[in-house]
Structures are given as structure tokens and as C-alpha cells.
């Protein structure tokens, strides 16, 4: 289960903040965003998550959460839902494609194994026939 932190102090990010170029420089991410203050009227910052649960996900951080690493029970940040929904959809689609490919590979492997078993059986029966014919030939000589 993925953990999502909700901030009661920060206004929800609007679509105008999502960059069409899909990138913020790391310096800009660390700059204060006075146009988008949290509910406590302090400027917020845009950060990028580097956690395994939310990789690459953008979120806005309240100034209070940056002071001396302070975190309280209310969590001072909110993930950007628009980008995470798109990423989640892409990840789910890719996971489904991978599952389908793995099933196809497994089916192909099973078909190849069955075909190999048939070829091995034919080879075994022909070897037995050759041994039997050789024994008959040797018996006829003596």
C-alpha cells in the first residue's frame, strides 16, 4: 500500500503550476513559491519525491516543514495528483504489458518443451529400432 501524505496547511496545486515542458530545474524546485502559499500564508516550495513509493512525484512543501526538519502529525506537504495519476496509469499499463509478455513467453516455453519432448521420443524409438536391427543382424551372422 502506498503512503500518501495530505497537508491541511497547503492549498491544492492547480493545473497552471504543472509545467508543459515537464521539468523544473532543481534550483527552481528549491526556490520559494510566493504565488502559491500554504494556508499558514508562508511561501511553499515544489520538490520531487525520491522515495520508492512515489518516485518522481512532484509535491509542494510548506515552509514550516523545512524549518529544522520539523514534521508534525499533520504532515506539511501534498502530492501533485495530476502528475501522479498519469504516472500511475502509465505504470499500470506497462505492468499489464509486461504480464502479457511474460505469459506469452511462458506459453512459448511450454510449446517448445512439448515439441522437444516429441523429438526426443522419436529419437529414442529410432535408437531402439536400430539396436534391435543390429541384434537381428548379429544373430543372423552366427
N, C-alpha and C. Protein backbone atom coordinates (compact mmCIF):
# COMPACT_ATOMS: atom_id res chain seq x y z
N UNK A 1 0.84 -1.18 0.00
CA UNK A 1 0.00 0.00 0.00
C UNK A 1 0.88 1.24 0.00
N UNK A 2 0.57 2.16 -0.88
CA UNK A 2 1.37 3.37 -0.97
C UNK A 2 0.89 4.39 0.04
N UNK A 3 1.83 5.05 0.67
CA UNK A 3 1.50 6.07 1.67
C UNK A 3 1.39 7.41 0.96
N UNK A 4 0.30 8.10 1.18
CA UNK A 4 0.13 9.43 0.60
C UNK A 4 -0.10 10.39 1.74
N UNK A 5 0.69 11.43 1.77
CA UNK A 5 0.60 12.40 2.84
C UNK A 5 -0.26 13.57 2.39
N UNK A 6 -1.22 13.93 3.19
CA UNK A 6 -2.10 15.04 2.89
C UNK A 6 -1.79 16.19 3.84
N UNK A 7 -1.69 17.38 3.33
CA UNK A 7 -1.40 18.54 4.16
C UNK A 7 -2.66 19.38 4.30
N UNK A 8 -3.02 19.69 5.51
CA UNK A 8 -4.16 20.57 5.74
C UNK A 8 -3.75 22.02 5.63
N UNK A 9 -2.45 22.28 5.61
CA UNK A 9 -1.97 23.66 5.59
C UNK A 9 -1.76 24.19 4.18
N UNK A 10 -1.78 23.34 3.18
CA UNK A 10 -1.42 23.75 1.83
C UNK A 10 -2.62 23.65 0.90
N UNK A 11 -2.78 24.65 0.06
CA UNK A 11 -3.84 24.62 -0.92
C UNK A 11 -3.48 23.60 -2.00
N UNK A 12 -4.49 22.99 -2.58
CA UNK A 12 -4.27 22.02 -3.64
C UNK A 12 -3.61 22.72 -4.82
N UNK A 13 -2.65 22.04 -5.43
CA UNK A 13 -1.96 22.61 -6.59
C UNK A 13 -2.92 22.71 -7.76
N UNK A 14 -2.87 23.81 -8.47
CA UNK A 14 -3.72 23.93 -9.64
C UNK A 14 -2.94 23.56 -10.90
N UNK A 15 -3.65 23.35 -11.99
CA UNK A 15 -3.03 22.90 -13.24
C UNK A 15 -2.08 23.94 -13.82
N UNK A 16 -2.23 25.20 -13.47
CA UNK A 16 -1.35 26.22 -14.02
C UNK A 16 0.08 26.05 -13.52
N UNK A 17 0.25 25.34 -12.41
CA UNK A 17 1.60 25.12 -11.88
C UNK A 17 2.31 23.97 -12.57
N UNK A 18 1.56 23.12 -13.28
CA UNK A 18 2.18 21.98 -13.94
C UNK A 18 2.84 22.49 -15.20
N UNK A 19 4.12 22.30 -15.32
CA UNK A 19 4.88 22.80 -16.46
C UNK A 19 4.64 21.93 -17.68
N UNK A 20 4.36 22.57 -18.83
CA UNK A 20 4.17 21.79 -20.05
C UNK A 20 5.48 21.21 -20.55
N UNK A 21 6.59 21.80 -20.14
CA UNK A 21 7.88 21.25 -20.54
C UNK A 21 8.26 20.06 -19.68
N UNK A 22 7.46 19.75 -18.69
CA UNK A 22 7.61 18.60 -17.79
C UNK A 22 8.90 18.59 -17.00
N UNK A 23 9.50 19.77 -16.82
CA UNK A 23 10.70 19.76 -15.98
C UNK A 23 10.85 21.08 -15.25
N UNK A 24 11.21 20.99 -14.01
CA UNK A 24 11.62 22.13 -13.22
C UNK A 24 13.09 21.92 -12.95
N UNK A 25 13.87 22.98 -12.95
CA UNK A 25 15.27 22.78 -12.59
C UNK A 25 15.34 22.54 -11.10
N UNK A 26 16.37 21.84 -10.65
CA UNK A 26 16.46 21.54 -9.22
C UNK A 26 16.61 22.83 -8.42
N UNK A 27 17.24 23.86 -9.01
CA UNK A 27 17.38 25.13 -8.31
C UNK A 27 16.01 25.77 -8.13
N UNK A 28 15.19 25.73 -9.17
CA UNK A 28 13.86 26.33 -9.08
C UNK A 28 12.99 25.57 -8.09
N UNK A 29 13.18 24.27 -7.99
CA UNK A 29 12.39 23.49 -7.04
C UNK A 29 12.69 23.92 -5.61
N UNK A 30 13.91 24.36 -5.38
CA UNK A 30 14.29 24.76 -4.03
C UNK A 30 13.94 26.22 -3.75
N UNK A 31 13.51 26.96 -4.76
CA UNK A 31 13.13 28.35 -4.54
C UNK A 31 11.74 28.40 -3.92
N UNK A 32 11.52 29.43 -3.15
CA UNK A 32 10.20 29.64 -2.58
C UNK A 32 9.22 30.00 -3.68
N UNK A 33 7.99 29.58 -3.53
CA UNK A 33 6.93 29.86 -4.49
C UNK A 33 5.91 30.79 -3.82
N UNK A 34 6.18 32.11 -3.80
CA UNK A 34 5.27 33.03 -3.10
C UNK A 34 3.88 33.10 -3.72
N UNK A 35 3.75 32.76 -5.00
CA UNK A 35 2.43 32.80 -5.65
C UNK A 35 1.52 31.68 -5.17
N UNK A 36 2.10 30.69 -4.51
CA UNK A 36 1.32 29.54 -4.04
C UNK A 36 1.62 29.28 -2.57
N UNK A 37 1.15 30.17 -1.70
CA UNK A 37 1.41 29.97 -0.26
C UNK A 37 0.52 28.86 0.29
N UNK A 38 0.95 28.32 1.42
CA UNK A 38 0.11 27.34 2.10
C UNK A 38 -0.90 28.10 2.96
N UNK A 39 -1.73 27.39 3.68
CA UNK A 39 -2.78 28.03 4.48
C UNK A 39 -2.23 28.88 5.62
N UNK A 40 -0.97 28.67 5.98
CA UNK A 40 -0.38 29.49 7.04
C UNK A 40 0.27 30.74 6.45
N UNK A 41 0.03 31.02 5.15
CA UNK A 41 0.50 32.20 4.43
C UNK A 41 2.00 32.27 4.24
N UNK A 42 2.70 31.19 4.42
CA UNK A 42 4.13 31.14 4.11
C UNK A 42 4.30 30.60 2.69
N UNK A 43 5.31 31.09 1.96
CA UNK A 43 5.55 30.57 0.61
C UNK A 43 5.88 29.08 0.66
N UNK A 44 5.49 28.38 -0.38
CA UNK A 44 5.78 26.95 -0.44
C UNK A 44 6.86 26.68 -1.48
N UNK A 45 7.34 25.45 -1.53
CA UNK A 45 8.35 25.01 -2.50
C UNK A 45 7.84 23.77 -3.21
N UNK A 46 8.29 23.58 -4.46
CA UNK A 46 7.97 22.37 -5.20
C UNK A 46 9.18 21.45 -5.12
N UNK A 47 8.94 20.23 -4.70
CA UNK A 47 10.00 19.23 -4.57
C UNK A 47 9.64 18.01 -5.41
N UNK A 48 10.61 17.14 -5.63
CA UNK A 48 10.38 15.88 -6.33
C UNK A 48 10.69 14.74 -5.38
N UNK A 49 9.74 13.83 -5.24
CA UNK A 49 9.92 12.69 -4.35
C UNK A 49 10.95 11.72 -4.92
N UNK A 50 11.78 11.19 -4.05
CA UNK A 50 12.76 10.19 -4.44
C UNK A 50 12.54 8.89 -3.66
N UNK A 51 11.36 8.73 -3.09
CA UNK A 51 11.06 7.53 -2.33
C UNK A 51 10.60 6.41 -3.26
N UNK A 52 10.75 5.16 -2.87
CA UNK A 52 10.30 4.05 -3.71
C UNK A 52 8.78 4.05 -3.92
N UNK A 53 8.02 4.55 -2.95
CA UNK A 53 6.57 4.55 -3.08
C UNK A 53 6.06 5.62 -4.05
N UNK A 54 6.78 6.73 -4.19
CA UNK A 54 6.33 7.84 -5.03
C UNK A 54 7.47 8.40 -5.88
N UNK A 55 8.14 7.59 -6.69
CA UNK A 55 9.30 8.09 -7.43
C UNK A 55 8.93 9.15 -8.46
N UNK A 56 9.66 10.26 -8.44
CA UNK A 56 9.47 11.31 -9.43
C UNK A 56 8.21 12.13 -9.25
N UNK A 57 7.49 11.91 -8.20
CA UNK A 57 6.24 12.61 -7.98
C UNK A 57 6.51 14.00 -7.40
N UNK A 58 5.88 15.02 -7.97
CA UNK A 58 6.05 16.40 -7.51
C UNK A 58 5.13 16.66 -6.32
N UNK A 59 5.62 17.44 -5.37
CA UNK A 59 4.80 17.83 -4.24
C UNK A 59 5.21 19.20 -3.75
N UNK A 60 4.27 19.88 -3.11
CA UNK A 60 4.51 21.21 -2.59
C UNK A 60 4.80 21.07 -1.10
N UNK A 61 5.83 21.79 -0.65
CA UNK A 61 6.26 21.70 0.75
C UNK A 61 5.99 23.02 1.44
N UNK A 62 5.41 22.96 2.61
CA UNK A 62 5.17 24.14 3.43
C UNK A 62 6.49 24.60 4.05
N UNK A 63 6.64 25.90 4.22
CA UNK A 63 7.84 26.45 4.84
C UNK A 63 8.06 25.87 6.24
N UNK A 64 6.97 25.61 6.96
CA UNK A 64 7.07 25.06 8.32
C UNK A 64 7.78 23.71 8.33
N UNK A 65 7.60 22.92 7.29
CA UNK A 65 8.21 21.59 7.29
C UNK A 65 9.69 21.65 6.98
N UNK A 66 10.17 22.80 6.49
CA UNK A 66 11.58 22.93 6.14
C UNK A 66 12.42 23.44 7.31
N UNK A 67 11.76 24.03 8.30
CA UNK A 67 12.49 24.58 9.45
C UNK A 67 12.99 23.45 10.33
N UNK A 68 14.30 23.27 10.37
CA UNK A 68 14.96 22.29 11.22
C UNK A 68 14.40 20.89 11.04
N UNK A 69 13.97 20.56 9.84
CA UNK A 69 13.46 19.23 9.56
C UNK A 69 12.21 18.88 10.34
N UNK A 70 11.46 19.87 10.77
CA UNK A 70 10.30 19.64 11.63
C UNK A 70 9.16 18.99 10.86
N UNK A 71 8.59 17.96 11.43
CA UNK A 71 7.39 17.34 10.88
C UNK A 71 6.44 17.11 12.03
N UNK A 72 5.20 17.47 11.82
CA UNK A 72 4.23 17.16 12.86
C UNK A 72 3.21 16.19 12.30
N UNK A 73 2.24 15.82 13.11
CA UNK A 73 1.25 14.83 12.70
C UNK A 73 0.42 15.23 11.51
N UNK A 74 0.35 16.53 11.22
CA UNK A 74 -0.46 16.98 10.09
C UNK A 74 0.28 16.84 8.77
N UNK A 75 1.53 16.54 8.75
CA UNK A 75 2.34 16.35 7.57
C UNK A 75 2.45 17.62 6.77
N UNK A 76 3.31 18.39 6.51
CA UNK A 76 3.24 19.69 5.86
C UNK A 76 3.40 19.64 4.35
N UNK A 77 2.87 18.67 3.67
CA UNK A 77 3.01 18.66 2.22
C UNK A 77 1.90 17.88 1.54
N UNK A 78 1.75 18.11 0.26
CA UNK A 78 0.71 17.45 -0.52
C UNK A 78 1.29 17.07 -1.88
N UNK A 79 1.02 15.86 -2.30
CA UNK A 79 1.49 15.41 -3.60
C UNK A 79 0.65 16.05 -4.70
N UNK A 80 1.26 16.21 -5.87
CA UNK A 80 0.55 16.75 -7.01
C UNK A 80 -0.21 15.61 -7.67
N UNK A 81 -1.51 15.62 -7.57
CA UNK A 81 -2.33 14.50 -8.00
C UNK A 81 -2.33 14.32 -9.51
N UNK A 82 -2.29 15.40 -10.29
CA UNK A 82 -2.41 15.28 -11.74
C UNK A 82 -1.30 14.41 -12.32
N UNK A 83 -0.07 14.73 -11.95
CA UNK A 83 1.07 14.00 -12.50
C UNK A 83 1.10 12.58 -11.98
N UNK A 84 0.76 12.38 -10.72
CA UNK A 84 0.82 11.03 -10.16
C UNK A 84 -0.22 10.13 -10.79
N UNK A 85 -1.39 10.66 -11.12
CA UNK A 85 -2.41 9.84 -11.78
C UNK A 85 -1.92 9.39 -13.14
N UNK A 86 -1.31 10.31 -13.89
CA UNK A 86 -0.78 9.94 -15.20
C UNK A 86 0.33 8.90 -15.07
N UNK A 87 1.23 9.11 -14.11
CA UNK A 87 2.32 8.15 -13.91
C UNK A 87 1.78 6.81 -13.46
N UNK A 88 0.81 6.81 -12.57
CA UNK A 88 0.22 5.56 -12.10
C UNK A 88 -0.43 4.82 -13.25
N UNK A 89 -1.14 5.53 -14.11
CA UNK A 89 -1.77 4.91 -15.27
C UNK A 89 -0.72 4.31 -16.19
N UNK A 90 0.35 5.06 -16.45
CA UNK A 90 1.42 4.55 -17.30
C UNK A 90 2.08 3.32 -16.69
N UNK A 91 2.32 3.37 -15.39
CA UNK A 91 2.95 2.23 -14.70
C UNK A 91 2.04 1.01 -14.78
N UNK A 92 0.75 1.20 -14.53
CA UNK A 92 -0.19 0.07 -14.60
C UNK A 92 -0.24 -0.51 -16.00
N UNK A 93 -0.26 0.37 -17.00
CA UNK A 93 -0.27 -0.10 -18.39
C UNK A 93 0.98 -0.90 -18.69
N UNK A 94 2.13 -0.39 -18.28
CA UNK A 94 3.38 -1.11 -18.52
C UNK A 94 3.43 -2.43 -17.75
N UNK A 95 2.93 -2.44 -16.52
CA UNK A 95 2.89 -3.69 -15.75
C UNK A 95 2.00 -4.71 -16.44
N UNK A 96 0.86 -4.27 -17.00
CA UNK A 96 -0.02 -5.18 -17.73
C UNK A 96 0.67 -5.71 -18.98
N UNK A 97 1.35 -4.84 -19.71
CA UNK A 97 2.06 -5.29 -20.91
C UNK A 97 3.15 -6.29 -20.55
N UNK A 98 3.85 -6.04 -19.46
CA UNK A 98 4.90 -6.97 -19.01
C UNK A 98 4.28 -8.31 -18.65
N UNK A 99 3.15 -8.30 -17.95
CA UNK A 99 2.48 -9.54 -17.57
C UNK A 99 2.04 -10.33 -18.80
N UNK A 100 1.49 -9.62 -19.78
CA UNK A 100 1.06 -10.28 -21.02
C UNK A 100 2.26 -10.89 -21.73
N UNK A 101 3.36 -10.13 -21.82
CA UNK A 101 4.57 -10.65 -22.47
C UNK A 101 5.12 -11.86 -21.72
N UNK A 102 5.09 -11.80 -20.39
CA UNK A 102 5.59 -12.94 -19.61
C UNK A 102 4.72 -14.17 -19.82
N UNK A 103 3.40 -13.99 -19.92
CA UNK A 103 2.51 -15.12 -20.19
C UNK A 103 2.77 -15.70 -21.57
N UNK A 104 2.99 -14.83 -22.57
CA UNK A 104 3.29 -15.31 -23.92
C UNK A 104 4.60 -16.07 -23.93
N UNK A 105 5.60 -15.57 -23.22
CA UNK A 105 6.89 -16.26 -23.15
C UNK A 105 6.73 -17.61 -22.48
N UNK A 106 5.94 -17.68 -21.41
CA UNK A 106 5.70 -18.95 -20.71
C UNK A 106 4.99 -19.95 -21.62
N UNK A 107 3.99 -19.47 -22.38
CA UNK A 107 3.29 -20.35 -23.33
C UNK A 107 4.24 -20.86 -24.40
N UNK A 108 5.07 -19.97 -24.93
CA UNK A 108 6.05 -20.36 -25.95
C UNK A 108 7.03 -21.38 -25.37
N UNK A 109 7.45 -21.16 -24.14
CA UNK A 109 8.36 -22.09 -23.48
C UNK A 109 7.72 -23.47 -23.34
N UNK A 110 6.44 -23.50 -22.95
CA UNK A 110 5.73 -24.77 -22.81
C UNK A 110 5.57 -25.48 -24.15
N UNK A 111 5.25 -24.71 -25.20
CA UNK A 111 5.14 -25.32 -26.54
C UNK A 111 6.47 -25.88 -27.00
N UNK A 112 7.54 -25.12 -26.77
CA UNK A 112 8.87 -25.60 -27.17
C UNK A 112 9.27 -26.85 -26.38
N UNK A 113 8.92 -26.90 -25.11
CA UNK A 113 9.23 -28.08 -24.29
C UNK A 113 8.47 -29.30 -24.81
N UNK A 114 7.19 -29.12 -25.14
CA UNK A 114 6.41 -30.23 -25.68
C UNK A 114 6.99 -30.72 -27.00
N UNK A 115 7.38 -29.77 -27.85
CA UNK A 115 7.97 -30.15 -29.14
C UNK A 115 9.29 -30.88 -28.93
N UNK A 116 10.10 -30.41 -28.00
CA UNK A 116 11.37 -31.07 -27.70
C UNK A 116 11.13 -32.48 -27.16
N UNK A 117 10.12 -32.64 -26.30
CA UNK A 117 9.79 -33.97 -25.78
C UNK A 117 9.39 -34.92 -26.91
N UNK A 118 8.61 -34.42 -27.88
CA UNK A 118 8.23 -35.25 -29.03
C UNK A 118 9.45 -35.67 -29.84
N UNK A 119 10.35 -34.72 -30.10
CA UNK A 119 11.56 -35.02 -30.87
C UNK A 119 12.43 -36.02 -30.11
N UNK A 120 12.57 -35.84 -28.81
CA UNK A 120 13.36 -36.78 -28.00
C UNK A 120 12.74 -38.18 -28.03
N UNK A 121 11.41 -38.27 -27.99
CA UNK A 121 10.75 -39.58 -28.05
C UNK A 121 11.01 -40.26 -29.39
N UNK A 122 10.90 -39.50 -30.48
CA UNK A 122 11.18 -40.06 -31.81
C UNK A 122 12.62 -40.54 -31.89
N UNK A 123 13.54 -39.76 -31.38
CA UNK A 123 14.95 -40.15 -31.37
C UNK A 123 15.16 -41.42 -30.56
N UNK A 124 14.52 -41.53 -29.42
CA UNK A 124 14.64 -42.72 -28.57
C UNK A 124 14.10 -43.96 -29.29
N UNK A 125 12.92 -43.85 -29.90
CA UNK A 125 12.34 -45.01 -30.60
C UNK A 125 13.19 -45.43 -31.78
N UNK A 126 13.78 -44.51 -32.49
CA UNK A 126 14.64 -44.86 -33.63
C UNK A 126 15.94 -45.52 -33.17
N UNK A 127 16.46 -45.07 -32.05
CA UNK A 127 17.66 -45.72 -31.50
C UNK A 127 17.34 -47.17 -31.10
N UNK A 128 16.17 -47.35 -30.45
CA UNK A 128 15.77 -48.70 -30.08
C UNK A 128 15.62 -49.58 -31.32
N UNK A 129 15.02 -49.03 -32.37
CA UNK A 129 14.85 -49.79 -33.61
C UNK A 129 16.20 -50.16 -34.20
N UNK A 130 17.16 -49.23 -34.19
CA UNK A 130 18.50 -49.53 -34.72
C UNK A 130 19.19 -50.61 -33.89
N UNK A 131 19.06 -50.54 -32.58
CA UNK A 131 19.67 -51.56 -31.72
C UNK A 131 19.04 -52.92 -32.00
N UNK A 132 17.71 -52.95 -32.14
CA UNK A 132 17.02 -54.20 -32.43
C UNK A 132 17.47 -54.77 -33.77
N UNK A 133 17.55 -53.93 -34.80
CA UNK A 133 18.00 -54.39 -36.12
C UNK A 133 19.44 -54.88 -36.06
N UNK A 134 20.29 -54.20 -35.31
CA UNK A 134 21.68 -54.63 -35.18
C UNK A 134 21.75 -56.01 -34.52
N UNK A 135 20.94 -56.22 -33.47
CA UNK A 135 20.93 -57.52 -32.79
C UNK A 135 20.44 -58.62 -33.73
N UNK A 136 19.43 -58.33 -34.54
CA UNK A 136 18.96 -59.32 -35.53
C UNK A 136 20.05 -59.63 -36.54
N UNK A 137 20.76 -58.66 -37.00
CA UNK A 137 21.84 -58.85 -37.97
C UNK A 137 22.94 -59.73 -37.37
N UNK A 138 23.32 -59.42 -36.12
CA UNK A 138 24.37 -60.20 -35.46
C UNK A 138 23.90 -61.64 -35.28
N UNK A 139 22.64 -61.87 -34.94
CA UNK A 139 22.11 -63.21 -34.75
C UNK A 139 22.13 -63.99 -36.06
N UNK A 140 21.84 -63.30 -37.17
CA UNK A 140 21.84 -63.97 -38.48
C UNK A 140 23.25 -64.37 -38.88
N UNK A 141 24.26 -63.64 -38.47
CA UNK A 141 25.64 -63.97 -38.82
C UNK A 141 26.11 -65.23 -38.10
N UNK A 142 25.65 -65.49 -36.97
CA UNK A 142 26.14 -66.65 -36.23
C UNK A 142 25.15 -67.73 -36.25
